[in-house]
Amino acid sequence: MNLKRVDRGDVTVLVLSGKLMGGPDSVLFQDMIKDLLGADRKNLVADLKSLSWVNSTGLGILISGYSSVKNAGGVLKLAAVASRIESILMITKLTTVFETHKTVDDAVESFGGE
């Protein structure tokens, strides 16, 4: 997985690409979340448009990130979820946990920012 950070006002967009499958991906994602929370960046959007696959460990990484952000008083939303990954979220009932948006712009605007 590749991970890129893009700040848009008071919202940080995390652009995930490739496959989210655990191992080093977990460390990369958690370190990024920890750094952002440490810098008081608590409005986060995970852009999943370029994420081609996620397995059960990858779902765990997203859930762990969500929990870390929520426990710090922040919000992590998902945006541009590919249909294959959206199916996985629906089957696992994670659509009841994550707030999802069709586009990154919609997710950013939902914070009342840009």
C-alpha atoms as a PDB file:
ATOM      1  CA  MET A   1       0.000   0.000   0.000  1.00  0.00           C
ATOM      2  CA  ASN A   2       1.070   3.546  -0.658  1.00  0.00           C
ATOM      3  CA  LEU A   3      -0.058   6.366   1.614  1.00  0.00           C
ATOM      4  CA  LYS A   4       0.002  10.069   0.858  1.00  0.00           C
ATOM      5  CA  ARG A   5      -1.143  12.982   3.011  1.00  0.00           C
ATOM      6  CA  VAL A   6      -2.926  16.021   1.571  1.00  0.00           C
ATOM      7  CA  ASP A   7      -4.045  18.857   3.862  1.00  0.00           C
ATOM      8  CA  ARG A   8      -7.191  20.707   2.798  1.00  0.00           C
ATOM      9  CA  GLY A   9      -7.844  23.432   5.320  1.00  0.00           C
ATOM     10  CA  ASP A  10      -8.471  21.809   8.689  1.00  0.00           C
ATOM     11  CA  VAL A  11      -9.126  18.413   7.049  1.00  0.00           C
ATOM     12  CA  THR A  12      -6.364  15.933   6.231  1.00  0.00           C
ATOM     13  CA  VAL A  13      -6.956  13.548   3.341  1.00  0.00           C
ATOM     14  CA  LEU A  14      -5.083  10.242   3.473  1.00  0.00           C
ATOM     15  CA  VAL A  15      -4.788   8.858  -0.055  1.00  0.00           C
ATOM     16  CA  LEU A  16      -4.439   5.063   0.058  1.00  0.00           C
ATOM     17  CA  SER A  17      -3.465   3.171  -3.074  1.00  0.00           C
ATOM     18  CA  GLY A  18      -2.608  -0.406  -3.927  1.00  0.00           C
ATOM     19  CA  LYS A  19      -3.586  -3.246  -1.606  1.00  0.00           C
ATOM     20  CA  LEU A  20      -4.252  -2.871   2.126  1.00  0.00           C
ATOM     21  CA  MET A  21      -3.266  -6.238   3.557  1.00  0.00           C
ATOM     22  CA  GLY A  22      -1.432  -5.854   6.853  1.00  0.00           C
ATOM     23  CA  GLY A  23       2.207  -6.141   7.868  1.00  0.00           C
ATOM     24  CA  PRO A  24       4.065  -2.945   6.989  1.00  0.00           C
ATOM     25  CA  ASP A  25       0.758  -1.349   5.912  1.00  0.00           C
ATOM     26  CA  SER A  26      -0.435  -1.438   9.504  1.00  0.00           C
ATOM     27  CA  VAL A  27       2.666   0.309  10.829  1.00  0.00           C
ATOM     28  CA  LEU A  28       2.572   2.922   8.054  1.00  0.00           C
ATOM     29  CA  PHE A  29      -1.099   3.750   8.604  1.00  0.00           C
ATOM     30  CA  GLN A  30      -0.936   3.773  12.406  1.00  0.00           C
ATOM     31  CA  ASP A  31       2.218   5.930  12.422  1.00  0.00           C
ATOM     32  CA  MET A  32       0.524   8.437  10.116  1.00  0.00           C
ATOM     33  CA  ILE A  33      -2.591   8.536  12.344  1.00  0.00           C
ATOM     34  CA  LYS A  34      -0.452   8.960  15.464  1.00  0.00           C
ATOM     35  CA  ASP A  35       1.544  11.805  13.875  1.00  0.00           C
ATOM     36  CA  LEU A  36      -1.616  13.584  12.728  1.00  0.00           C
ATOM     37  CA  LEU A  37      -3.300  13.298  16.115  1.00  0.00           C
ATOM     38  CA  GLY A  38      -0.091  14.506  17.778  1.00  0.00           C
ATOM     39  CA  ALA A  39      -0.237  17.571  15.533  1.00  0.00           C
ATOM     40  CA  ASP A  40      -3.910  18.098  16.525  1.00  0.00           C
ATOM     41  CA  ARG A  41      -5.159  17.141  13.023  1.00  0.00           C
ATOM     42  CA  LYS A  42      -8.361  15.315  13.943  1.00  0.00           C
ATOM     43  CA  ASN A  43     -10.586  15.731  10.865  1.00  0.00           C
ATOM     44  CA  LEU A  44      -9.482  12.907   8.588  1.00  0.00           C
ATOM     45  CA  VAL A  45     -10.702  11.474   5.299  1.00  0.00           C
ATOM     46  CA  ALA A  46      -9.372   8.205   3.892  1.00  0.00           C
ATOM     47  CA  ASP A  47      -9.499   8.435   0.092  1.00  0.00           C
ATOM     48  CA  LEU A  48      -9.932   4.836  -1.079  1.00  0.00           C
ATOM     49  CA  LYS A  49     -10.395   5.560  -4.797  1.00  0.00           C
ATOM     50  CA  SER A  50      -7.025   3.985  -5.717  1.00  0.00           C
ATOM     51  CA  LEU A  51      -7.211   1.143  -3.209  1.00  0.00           C
ATOM     52  CA  SER A  52      -7.577  -2.011  -5.298  1.00  0.00           C
ATOM     53  CA  TRP A  53      -8.027  -4.577  -2.526  1.00  0.00           C
ATOM     54  CA  VAL A  54      -8.453  -4.923   1.211  1.00  0.00           C
ATOM     55  CA  ASN A  55      -8.383  -8.190   3.157  1.00  0.00           C
ATOM     56  CA  SER A  56      -9.537  -8.891   6.714  1.00  0.00           C
ATOM     57  CA  THR A  57      -6.255  -7.621   8.153  1.00  0.00           C
ATOM     58  CA  GLY A  58      -6.639  -4.463   6.064  1.00  0.00           C
ATOM     59  CA  LEU A  59     -10.133  -3.957   7.477  1.00  0.00           C
ATOM     60  CA  GLY A  60      -8.618  -4.313  10.929  1.00  0.00           C
ATOM     61  CA  ILE A  61      -6.126  -1.567  10.066  1.00  0.00           C
ATOM     62  CA  LEU A  62      -8.962   0.782   9.067  1.00  0.00           C
ATOM     63  CA  ILE A  63     -10.953  -0.077  12.207  1.00  0.00           C
ATOM     64  CA  SER A  64      -7.913   0.466  14.402  1.00  0.00           C
ATOM     65  CA  GLY A  65      -7.288   3.850  12.782  1.00  0.00           C
ATOM     66  CA  TYR A  66     -10.943   4.769  13.226  1.00  0.00           C
ATOM     67  CA  SER A  67     -10.795   3.842  16.928  1.00  0.00           C
ATOM     68  CA  SER A  68      -7.563   5.787  17.507  1.00  0.00           C
ATOM     69  CA  VAL A  69      -9.017   8.903  15.888  1.00  0.00           C
ATOM     70  CA  LYS A  70     -12.356   8.596  17.705  1.00  0.00           C
ATOM     71  CA  ASN A  71     -10.653   8.084  21.076  1.00  0.00           C
ATOM     72  CA  ALA A  72      -8.663  11.278  20.462  1.00  0.00           C
ATOM     73  CA  GLY A  73     -11.871  13.225  19.815  1.00  0.00           C
ATOM     74  CA  GLY A  74     -11.545  13.191  16.036  1.00  0.00           C
ATOM     75  CA  VAL A  75     -13.394  11.764  13.049  1.00  0.00           C
ATOM     76  CA  LEU A  76     -12.189   9.457  10.268  1.00  0.00           C
ATOM     77  CA  LYS A  77     -14.453   9.269   7.217  1.00  0.00           C
ATOM     78  CA  LEU A  78     -14.088   7.168   4.068  1.00  0.00           C
ATOM     79  CA  ALA A  79     -14.417   8.571   0.560  1.00  0.00           C
ATOM     80  CA  ALA A  80     -14.511   7.303  -3.021  1.00  0.00           C
ATOM     81  CA  VAL A  81     -14.824   3.665  -1.960  1.00  0.00           C
ATOM     82  CA  ALA A  82     -14.551   1.306  -4.933  1.00  0.00           C
ATOM     83  CA  SER A  83     -17.574  -0.960  -5.402  1.00  0.00           C
ATOM     84  CA  ARG A  84     -15.593  -4.127  -4.614  1.00  0.00           C
ATOM     85  CA  ILE A  85     -14.414  -2.688  -1.295  1.00  0.00           C
ATOM     86  CA  GLU A  86     -17.841  -1.194  -0.576  1.00  0.00           C
ATOM     87  CA  SER A  87     -19.296  -4.722  -0.893  1.00  0.00           C
ATOM     88  CA  ILE A  88     -16.835  -5.948   1.738  1.00  0.00           C
ATOM     89  CA  LEU A  89     -17.823  -3.072   4.037  1.00  0.00           C
ATOM     90  CA  MET A  90     -21.505  -3.945   3.572  1.00  0.00           C
ATOM     91  CA  ILE A  91     -21.029  -7.682   4.170  1.00  0.00           C
ATOM     92  CA  THR A  92     -19.049  -7.006   7.350  1.00  0.00           C
ATOM     93  CA  LYS A  93     -21.589  -4.355   8.413  1.00  0.00           C
ATOM     94  CA  LEU A  94     -18.791  -1.780   8.653  1.00  0.00           C
ATOM     95  CA  THR A  95     -21.017   0.634   6.743  1.00  0.00           C
ATOM     96  CA  THR A  96     -22.695   1.150  10.120  1.00  0.00           C
ATOM     97  CA  VAL A  97     -19.345   2.173  11.629  1.00  0.00           C
ATOM     98  CA  PHE A  98     -17.731   4.301   8.934  1.00  0.00           C
ATOM     99  CA  GLU A  99     -19.297   7.416   7.488  1.00  0.00           C
ATOM    100  CA  THR A 100     -18.728   7.144   3.742  1.00  0.00           C
ATOM    101  CA  HIS A 101     -18.944   9.720   0.969  1.00  0.00           C
ATOM    102  CA  LYS A 102     -19.011   9.334  -2.816  1.00  0.00           C
ATOM    103  CA  THR A 103     -16.178  11.837  -3.334  1.00  0.00           C
ATOM    104  CA  VAL A 104     -13.330  13.311  -1.331  1.00  0.00           C
ATOM    105  CA  ASP A 105     -14.811  16.774  -1.875  1.00  0.00           C
ATOM    106  CA  ASP A 106     -18.111  15.641  -0.316  1.00  0.00           C
ATOM    107  CA  ALA A 107     -16.260  14.174   2.673  1.00  0.00           C
ATOM    108  CA  VAL A 108     -14.156  17.319   3.188  1.00  0.00           C
ATOM    109  CA  GLU A 109     -17.242  19.545   2.893  1.00  0.00           C
ATOM    110  CA  SER A 110     -19.082  17.385   5.446  1.00  0.00           C
ATOM    111  CA  PHE A 111     -16.703  18.742   8.100  1.00  0.00           C
ATOM    112  CA  GLY A 112     -17.965  22.238   7.321  1.00  0.00           C
ATOM    113  CA  GLY A 113     -14.593  23.229   5.841  1.00  0.00           C
ATOM    114  CA  GLU A 114     -13.692  23.886   2.222  1.00  0.00           C
END
